[in-house]
């Protein structure tokens, strides 16, 4: 696994925030389709926030969050990539 440097991770988070900010509205069907990925991504952000606030998040916490995202992405055969 490649190491993500803090500035690279910051760029990823900023890019995600900018893309999310561009969403004006989603219909319910689209929101339902994106729901599992949104939940997995929110969980990763919760780990990030927990680490920022406490410094107590573990590599396992990050691994579990990443695994959840990977599972959702693979379940949708790359539709979200």
PDB file of N, CA and C in Angstrom:
ATOM      1  N   UNK A   1       0.852  -1.181   0.000  1.00  0.00           N
ATOM      2  CA  UNK A   1       0.000   0.000   0.000  1.00  0.00           C
ATOM      3  C   UNK A   1       0.892   1.237   0.000  1.00  0.00           C
ATOM      4  N   UNK A   2       0.584   2.174  -0.844  1.00  0.00           N
ATOM      5  CA  UNK A   2       1.337   3.419  -0.925  1.00  0.00           C
ATOM      6  C   UNK A   2       0.976   4.324   0.242  1.00  0.00           C
ATOM      7  N   UNK A   3       1.967   5.057   0.691  1.00  0.00           N
ATOM      8  CA  UNK A   3       1.733   6.017   1.761  1.00  0.00           C
ATOM      9  C   UNK A   3       1.218   7.310   1.156  1.00  0.00           C
ATOM     10  N   UNK A   4       0.162   7.824   1.713  1.00  0.00           N
ATOM     11  CA  UNK A   4      -0.370   9.110   1.267  1.00  0.00           C
ATOM     12  C   UNK A   4       0.226  10.179   2.167  1.00  0.00           C
ATOM     13  N   UNK A   5       0.882  11.136   1.572  1.00  0.00           N
ATOM     14  CA  UNK A   5       1.485  12.221   2.338  1.00  0.00           C
ATOM     15  C   UNK A   5       0.403  13.218   2.741  1.00  0.00           C
ATOM     16  N   UNK A   6       0.613  13.906   3.860  1.00  0.00           N
ATOM     17  CA  UNK A   6      -0.432  14.825   4.352  1.00  0.00           C
ATOM     18  C   UNK A   6      -0.931  15.815   3.308  1.00  0.00           C
ATOM     19  N   UNK A   7      -0.036  16.371   2.498  1.00  0.00           N
ATOM     20  CA  UNK A   7      -0.503  17.343   1.503  1.00  0.00           C
ATOM     21  C   UNK A   7      -1.343  16.667   0.418  1.00  0.00           C
ATOM     22  N   UNK A   8      -1.027  15.405   0.082  1.00  0.00           N
ATOM     23  CA  UNK A   8      -1.836  14.673  -0.896  1.00  0.00           C
ATOM     24  C   UNK A   8      -3.215  14.379  -0.322  1.00  0.00           C
ATOM     25  N   UNK A   9      -3.263  13.965   0.942  1.00  0.00           N
ATOM     26  CA  UNK A   9      -4.540  13.674   1.580  1.00  0.00           C
ATOM     27  C   UNK A   9      -5.366  14.947   1.687  1.00  0.00           C
ATOM     28  N   UNK A  10      -4.713  16.047   2.012  1.00  0.00           N
ATOM     29  CA  UNK A  10      -5.410  17.330   2.084  1.00  0.00           C
ATOM     30  C   UNK A  10      -6.029  17.674   0.736  1.00  0.00           C
ATOM     31  N   UNK A  11      -5.302  17.425  -0.338  1.00  0.00           N
ATOM     32  CA  UNK A  11      -5.836  17.700  -1.676  1.00  0.00           C
ATOM     33  C   UNK A  11      -7.036  16.811  -1.981  1.00  0.00           C
ATOM     34  N   UNK A  12      -6.975  15.546  -1.563  1.00  0.00           N
ATOM     35  CA  UNK A  12      -8.092  14.625  -1.785  1.00  0.00           C
ATOM     36  C   UNK A  12      -9.331  15.118  -1.050  1.00  0.00           C
ATOM     37  N   UNK A  13      -9.160  15.508   0.209  1.00  0.00           N
ATOM     38  CA  UNK A  13     -10.289  15.983   1.014  1.00  0.00           C
ATOM     39  C   UNK A  13     -10.847  17.278   0.428  1.00  0.00           C
ATOM     40  N   UNK A  14      -9.966  18.191   0.035  1.00  0.00           N
ATOM     41  CA  UNK A  14     -10.423  19.449  -0.552  1.00  0.00           C
ATOM     42  C   UNK A  14     -11.158  19.202  -1.871  1.00  0.00           C
ATOM     43  N   UNK A  15     -10.658  18.271  -2.666  1.00  0.00           N
ATOM     44  CA  UNK A  15     -11.322  17.944  -3.934  1.00  0.00           C
ATOM     45  C   UNK A  15     -12.708  17.362  -3.670  1.00  0.00           C
ATOM     46  N   UNK A  16     -12.790  16.441  -2.713  1.00  0.00           N
ATOM     47  CA  UNK A  16     -14.095  15.850  -2.371  1.00  0.00           C
ATOM     48  C   UNK A  16     -15.059  16.925  -1.891  1.00  0.00           C
ATOM     49  N   UNK A  17     -14.573  17.827  -1.047  1.00  0.00           N
ATOM     50  CA  UNK A  17     -15.434  18.899  -0.538  1.00  0.00           C
ATOM     51  C   UNK A  17     -15.922  19.791  -1.677  1.00  0.00           C
ATOM     52  N   UNK A  18     -15.032  20.118  -2.601  1.00  0.00           N
ATOM     53  CA  UNK A  18     -15.423  20.965  -3.737  1.00  0.00           C
ATOM     54  C   UNK A  18     -16.453  20.260  -4.613  1.00  0.00           C
ATOM     55  N   UNK A  19     -16.261  18.975  -4.857  1.00  0.00           N
ATOM     56  CA  UNK A  19     -17.213  18.220  -5.671  1.00  0.00           C
ATOM     57  C   UNK A  19     -18.566  18.119  -4.972  1.00  0.00           C
ATOM     58  N   UNK A  20     -18.563  17.854  -3.672  1.00  0.00           N
ATOM     59  CA  UNK A  20     -19.820  17.782  -2.928  1.00  0.00           C
ATOM     60  C   UNK A  20     -20.520  19.134  -2.904  1.00  0.00           C
ATOM     61  N   UNK A  21     -19.742  20.192  -2.804  1.00  0.00           N
ATOM     62  CA  UNK A  21     -20.305  21.536  -2.793  1.00  0.00           C
ATOM     63  C   UNK A  21     -20.998  21.870  -4.116  1.00  0.00           C
ATOM     64  N   UNK A  22     -20.580  21.214  -5.184  1.00  0.00           N
ATOM     65  CA  UNK A  22     -21.152  21.483  -6.507  1.00  0.00           C
ATOM     66  C   UNK A  22     -22.508  20.811  -6.709  1.00  0.00           C
ATOM     67  N   UNK A  23     -22.876  19.905  -5.807  1.00  0.00           N
ATOM     68  CA  UNK A  23     -24.163  19.216  -5.943  1.00  0.00           C
ATOM     69  C   UNK A  23     -25.269  20.160  -5.501  1.00  0.00           C
ATOM     70  N   UNK A  24     -26.172  20.440  -6.421  1.00  0.00           N
ATOM     71  CA  UNK A  24     -27.285  21.328  -6.106  1.00  0.00           C
ATOM     72  C   UNK A  24     -28.405  20.571  -5.408  1.00  0.00           C
ATOM     73  N   UNK A  25     -28.687  19.358  -5.914  1.00  0.00           N
ATOM     74  CA  UNK A  25     -29.803  18.577  -5.379  1.00  0.00           C
ATOM     75  C   UNK A  25     -29.718  17.179  -5.964  1.00  0.00           C
ATOM     76  N   UNK A  26     -30.159  16.177  -5.213  1.00  0.00           N
ATOM     77  CA  UNK A  26     -30.239  14.805  -5.708  1.00  0.00           C
ATOM     78  C   UNK A  26     -31.643  14.282  -5.484  1.00  0.00           C
ATOM     79  N   UNK A  27     -32.172  13.580  -6.472  1.00  0.00           N
ATOM     80  CA  UNK A  27     -33.472  12.948  -6.258  1.00  0.00           C
ATOM     81  C   UNK A  27     -33.286  11.727  -5.355  1.00  0.00           C
ATOM     82  N   UNK A  28     -34.380  11.210  -4.847  1.00  0.00           N
ATOM     83  CA  UNK A  28     -34.313  10.125  -3.880  1.00  0.00           C
ATOM     84  C   UNK A  28     -33.671   8.866  -4.467  1.00  0.00           C
ATOM     85  N   UNK A  29     -33.973   8.547  -5.696  1.00  0.00           N
ATOM     86  CA  UNK A  29     -33.405   7.346  -6.314  1.00  0.00           C
ATOM     87  C   UNK A  29     -31.883   7.433  -6.400  1.00  0.00           C
ATOM     88  N   UNK A  30     -31.388   8.585  -6.796  1.00  0.00           N
ATOM     89  CA  UNK A  30     -29.943   8.781  -6.881  1.00  0.00           C
ATOM     90  C   UNK A  30     -29.319   8.737  -5.497  1.00  0.00           C
ATOM     91  N   UNK A  31     -29.962   9.388  -4.539  1.00  0.00           N
ATOM     92  CA  UNK A  31     -29.451   9.382  -3.169  1.00  0.00           C
ATOM     93  C   UNK A  31     -29.400   7.961  -2.612  1.00  0.00           C
ATOM     94  N   UNK A  32     -30.417   7.174  -2.898  1.00  0.00           N
ATOM     95  CA  UNK A  32     -30.423   5.773  -2.435  1.00  0.00           C
ATOM     96  C   UNK A  32     -29.292   4.989  -3.070  1.00  0.00           C
ATOM     97  N   UNK A  33     -29.059   5.222  -4.349  1.00  0.00           N
ATOM     98  CA  UNK A  33     -27.977   4.521  -5.044  1.00  0.00           C
ATOM     99  C   UNK A  33     -26.625   4.884  -4.444  1.00  0.00           C
ATOM    100  N   UNK A  34     -26.457   6.146  -4.102  1.00  0.00           N
ATOM    101  CA  UNK A  34     -25.192   6.616  -3.538  1.00  0.00           C
ATOM    102  C   UNK A  34     -25.084   6.384  -2.036  1.00  0.00           C
ATOM    103  N   UNK A  35     -26.190   6.008  -1.397  1.00  0.00           N
ATOM    104  CA  UNK A  35     -26.228   5.864   0.054  1.00  0.00           C
ATOM    105  C   UNK A  35     -25.112   5.032   0.655  1.00  0.00           C
ATOM    106  N   UNK A  36     -24.877   3.808   0.166  1.00  0.00           N
ATOM    107  CA  UNK A  36     -23.819   2.992   0.760  1.00  0.00           C
ATOM    108  C   UNK A  36     -22.433   3.627   0.635  1.00  0.00           C
ATOM    109  N   UNK A  37     -22.156   4.247  -0.505  1.00  0.00           N
ATOM    110  CA  UNK A  37     -20.863   4.905  -0.678  1.00  0.00           C
ATOM    111  C   UNK A  37     -20.771   6.145   0.201  1.00  0.00           C
ATOM    112  N   UNK A  38     -21.859   6.887   0.306  1.00  0.00           N
ATOM    113  CA  UNK A  38     -21.870   8.064   1.179  1.00  0.00           C
ATOM    114  C   UNK A  38     -21.628   7.653   2.629  1.00  0.00           C
ATOM    115  N   UNK A  39     -22.258   6.558   3.052  1.00  0.00           N
ATOM    116  CA  UNK A  39     -22.068   6.088   4.428  1.00  0.00           C
ATOM    117  C   UNK A  39     -20.625   5.652   4.666  1.00  0.00           C
ATOM    118  N   UNK A  40     -20.062   4.903   3.725  1.00  0.00           N
ATOM    119  CA  UNK A  40     -18.682   4.445   3.870  1.00  0.00           C
ATOM    120  C   UNK A  40     -17.718   5.627   3.906  1.00  0.00           C
ATOM    121  N   UNK A  41     -17.963   6.606   3.055  1.00  0.00           N
ATOM    122  CA  UNK A  41     -17.112   7.793   3.023  1.00  0.00           C
ATOM    123  C   UNK A  41     -17.261   8.597   4.311  1.00  0.00           C
ATOM    124  N   UNK A  42     -18.486   8.723   4.798  1.00  0.00           N
ATOM    125  CA  UNK A  42     -18.717   9.427   6.067  1.00  0.00           C
ATOM    126  C   UNK A  42     -17.978   8.737   7.205  1.00  0.00           C
ATOM    127  N   UNK A  43     -17.958   7.409   7.185  1.00  0.00           N
ATOM    128  CA  UNK A  43     -17.232   6.686   8.231  1.00  0.00           C
ATOM    129  C   UNK A  43     -15.743   6.996   8.181  1.00  0.00           C
ATOM    130  N   UNK A  44     -15.172   7.087   6.972  1.00  0.00           N
ATOM    131  CA  UNK A  44     -13.755   7.447   6.852  1.00  0.00           C
ATOM    132  C   UNK A  44     -13.520   8.854   7.397  1.00  0.00           C
ATOM    133  N   UNK A  45     -14.429   9.777   7.092  1.00  0.00           N
ATOM    134  CA  UNK A  45     -14.284  11.133   7.607  1.00  0.00           C
ATOM    135  C   UNK A  45     -14.431  11.173   9.130  1.00  0.00           C
ATOM    136  N   UNK A  46     -15.255  10.294   9.682  1.00  0.00           N
ATOM    137  CA  UNK A  46     -15.382  10.231  11.147  1.00  0.00           C
ATOM    138  C   UNK A  46     -14.075   9.759  11.777  1.00  0.00           C
ATOM    139  N   UNK A  47     -13.422   8.783  11.154  1.00  0.00           N
ATOM    140  CA  UNK A  47     -12.119   8.334  11.652  1.00  0.00           C
ATOM    141  C   UNK A  47     -11.124   9.485  11.563  1.00  0.00           C
ATOM    142  N   UNK A  48     -11.129  10.191  10.446  1.00  0.00           N
ATOM    143  CA  UNK A  48     -10.240  11.343  10.276  1.00  0.00           C
ATOM    144  C   UNK A  48     -10.510  12.396  11.343  1.00  0.00           C
ATOM    145  N   UNK A  49     -11.775  12.707  11.568  1.00  0.00           N
ATOM    146  CA  UNK A  49     -12.139  13.706  12.571  1.00  0.00           C
ATOM    147  C   UNK A  49     -11.727  13.240  13.967  1.00  0.00           C
ATOM    148  N   UNK A  50     -11.972  11.971  14.277  1.00  0.00           N
ATOM    149  CA  UNK A  50     -11.592  11.408  15.576  1.00  0.00           C
ATOM    150  C   UNK A  50     -10.082  11.507  15.776  1.00  0.00           C
ATOM    151  N   UNK A  51      -9.319  11.210  14.721  1.00  0.00           N
ATOM    152  CA  UNK A  51      -7.865  11.309  14.812  1.00  0.00           C
ATOM    153  C   UNK A  51      -7.441  12.755  15.040  1.00  0.00           C
ATOM    154  N   UNK A  52      -8.078  13.679  14.340  1.00  0.00           N
ATOM    155  CA  UNK A  52      -7.738  15.096  14.503  1.00  0.00           C
ATOM    156  C   UNK A  52      -8.040  15.581  15.914  1.00  0.00           C
ATOM    157  N   UNK A  53      -9.163  15.136  16.464  1.00  0.00           N
ATOM    158  CA  UNK A  53      -9.580  15.608  17.787  1.00  0.00           C
ATOM    159  C   UNK A  53      -8.844  14.924  18.929  1.00  0.00           C
ATOM    160  N   UNK A  54      -8.550  13.630  18.780  1.00  0.00           N
ATOM    161  CA  UNK A  54      -8.006  12.877  19.915  1.00  0.00           C
ATOM    162  C   UNK A  54      -6.630  12.287  19.675  1.00  0.00           C
ATOM    163  N   UNK A  55      -6.286  12.059  18.426  1.00  0.00           N
ATOM    164  CA  UNK A  55      -5.037  11.370  18.116  1.00  0.00           C
ATOM    165  C   UNK A  55      -5.088   9.882  18.438  1.00  0.00           C
ATOM    166  N   UNK A  56      -6.281   9.364  18.702  1.00  0.00           N
ATOM    167  CA  UNK A  56      -6.427   7.985  19.161  1.00  0.00           C
ATOM    168  C   UNK A  56      -6.914   7.012  18.094  1.00  0.00           C
ATOM    169  N   UNK A  57      -7.155   7.478  16.890  1.00  0.00           N
ATOM    170  CA  UNK A  57      -7.559   6.553  15.829  1.00  0.00           C
ATOM    171  C   UNK A  57      -6.377   5.650  15.502  1.00  0.00           C
ATOM    172  N   UNK A  58      -6.668   4.397  15.254  1.00  0.00           N
ATOM    173  CA  UNK A  58      -5.612   3.432  14.972  1.00  0.00           C
ATOM    174  C   UNK A  58      -5.533   3.149  13.476  1.00  0.00           C
ATOM    175  N   UNK A  59      -4.442   2.508  13.083  1.00  0.00           N
ATOM    176  CA  UNK A  59      -4.335   2.065  11.691  1.00  0.00           C
ATOM    177  C   UNK A  59      -5.492   1.139  11.352  1.00  0.00           C
ATOM    178  N   UNK A  60      -5.896   0.330  12.331  1.00  0.00           N
ATOM    179  CA  UNK A  60      -7.020  -0.578  12.106  1.00  0.00           C
ATOM    180  C   UNK A  60      -8.308   0.199  11.840  1.00  0.00           C
ATOM    181  N   UNK A  61      -8.504   1.315  12.535  1.00  0.00           N
ATOM    182  CA  UNK A  61      -9.682   2.157  12.280  1.00  0.00           C
ATOM    183  C   UNK A  61      -9.683   2.634  10.826  1.00  0.00           C
ATOM    184  N   UNK A  62      -8.514   3.098  10.365  1.00  0.00           N
ATOM    185  CA  UNK A  62      -8.401   3.555   8.980  1.00  0.00           C
ATOM    186  C   UNK A  62      -8.596   2.387   8.017  1.00  0.00           C
ATOM    187  N   UNK A  63      -8.013   1.231   8.349  1.00  0.00           N
ATOM    188  CA  UNK A  63      -8.143   0.059   7.488  1.00  0.00           C
ATOM    189  C   UNK A  63      -9.600  -0.372   7.360  1.00  0.00           C
ATOM    190  N   UNK A  64     -10.324  -0.394   8.469  1.00  0.00           N
ATOM    191  CA  UNK A  64     -11.740  -0.778   8.429  1.00  0.00           C
ATOM    192  C   UNK A  64     -12.545   0.190   7.563  1.00  0.00           C
ATOM    193  N   UNK A  65     -12.270   1.480   7.706  1.00  0.00           N
ATOM    194  CA  UNK A  65     -12.986   2.481   6.908  1.00  0.00           C
ATOM    195  C   UNK A  65     -12.652   2.320   5.425  1.00  0.00           C
ATOM    196  N   UNK A  66     -11.374   2.101   5.131  1.00  0.00           N
ATOM    197  CA  UNK A  66     -10.971   1.899   3.733  1.00  0.00           C
ATOM    198  C   UNK A  66     -11.594   0.641   3.158  1.00  0.00           C
ATOM    199  N   UNK A  67     -11.616  -0.416   3.947  1.00  0.00           N
ATOM    200  CA  UNK A  67     -12.194  -1.678   3.490  1.00  0.00           C
ATOM    201  C   UNK A  67     -13.668  -1.508   3.168  1.00  0.00           C
ATOM    202  N   UNK A  68     -14.379  -0.752   4.000  1.00  0.00           N
ATOM    203  CA  UNK A  68     -15.798  -0.508   3.737  1.00  0.00           C
ATOM    204  C   UNK A  68     -15.969   0.228   2.403  1.00  0.00           C
ATOM    205  N   UNK A  69     -15.146   1.235   2.162  1.00  0.00           N
ATOM    206  CA  UNK A  69     -15.212   1.969   0.893  1.00  0.00           C
ATOM    207  C   UNK A  69     -14.893   1.035  -0.272  1.00  0.00           C
ATOM    208  N   UNK A  70     -13.837   0.241  -0.134  1.00  0.00           N
ATOM    209  CA  UNK A  70     -13.453  -0.685  -1.203  1.00  0.00           C
ATOM    210  C   UNK A  70     -14.561  -1.689  -1.494  1.00  0.00           C
ATOM    211  N   UNK A  71     -15.206  -2.189  -0.443  1.00  0.00           N
ATOM    212  CA  UNK A  71     -16.295  -3.151  -0.634  1.00  0.00           C
ATOM    213  C   UNK A  71     -17.458  -2.536  -1.399  1.00  0.00           C
ATOM    214  N   UNK A  72     -17.804  -1.304  -1.055  1.00  0.00           N
ATOM    215  CA  UNK A  72     -18.898  -0.635  -1.765  1.00  0.00           C
ATOM    216  C   UNK A  72     -18.515  -0.397  -3.224  1.00  0.00           C
ATOM    217  N   UNK A  73     -17.298   0.070  -3.440  1.00  0.00           N
ATOM    218  CA  UNK A  73     -16.854   0.319  -4.816  1.00  0.00           C
ATOM    219  C   UNK A  73     -16.851  -0.961  -5.642  1.00  0.00           C
ATOM    220  N   UNK A  74     -16.349  -2.048  -5.066  1.00  0.00           N
ATOM    221  CA  UNK A  74     -16.298  -3.295  -5.829  1.00  0.00           C
ATOM    222  C   UNK A  74     -17.690  -3.891  -6.032  1.00  0.00           C
ATOM    223  N   UNK A  75     -18.590  -3.682  -5.084  1.00  0.00           N
ATOM    224  CA  UNK A  75     -19.960  -4.186  -5.224  1.00  0.00           C
ATOM    225  C   UNK A  75     -20.691  -3.496  -6.370  1.00  0.00           C
ATOM    226  N   UNK A  76     -20.264  -2.300  -6.684  1.00  0.00           N
ATOM    227  CA  UNK A  76     -20.903  -1.544  -7.764  1.00  0.00           C
ATOM    228  C   UNK A  76     -20.071  -1.584  -9.040  1.00  0.00           C
ATOM    229  N   UNK A  77     -19.144  -2.543  -9.104  1.00  0.00           N
ATOM    230  CA  UNK A  77     -18.348  -2.783 -10.315  1.00  0.00           C
ATOM    231  C   UNK A  77     -17.737  -1.522 -10.902  1.00  0.00           C
ATOM    232  N   UNK A  78     -17.190  -0.668 -10.049  1.00  0.00           N
ATOM    233  CA  UNK A  78     -16.498   0.509 -10.533  1.00  0.00           C
ATOM    234  C   UNK A  78     -17.374   1.641 -11.006  1.00  0.00           C
ATOM    235  N   UNK A  79     -18.704   1.531 -10.849  1.00  0.00           N
ATOM    236  CA  UNK A  79     -19.593   2.615 -11.294  1.00  0.00           C
ATOM    237  C   UNK A  79     -19.246   3.940 -10.640  1.00  0.00           C
ATOM    238  N   UNK A  80     -18.716   3.887  -9.421  1.00  0.00           N
ATOM    239  CA  UNK A  80     -18.423   5.119  -8.693  1.00  0.00           C
ATOM    240  C   UNK A  80     -17.011   5.624  -8.957  1.00  0.00           C
ATOM    241  N   UNK A  81     -16.216   4.875  -9.687  1.00  0.00           N
ATOM    242  CA  UNK A  81     -14.826   5.279  -9.881  1.00  0.00           C
ATOM    243  C   UNK A  81     -14.665   6.162 -11.085  1.00  0.00           C
TER     244      UNK A  81
END
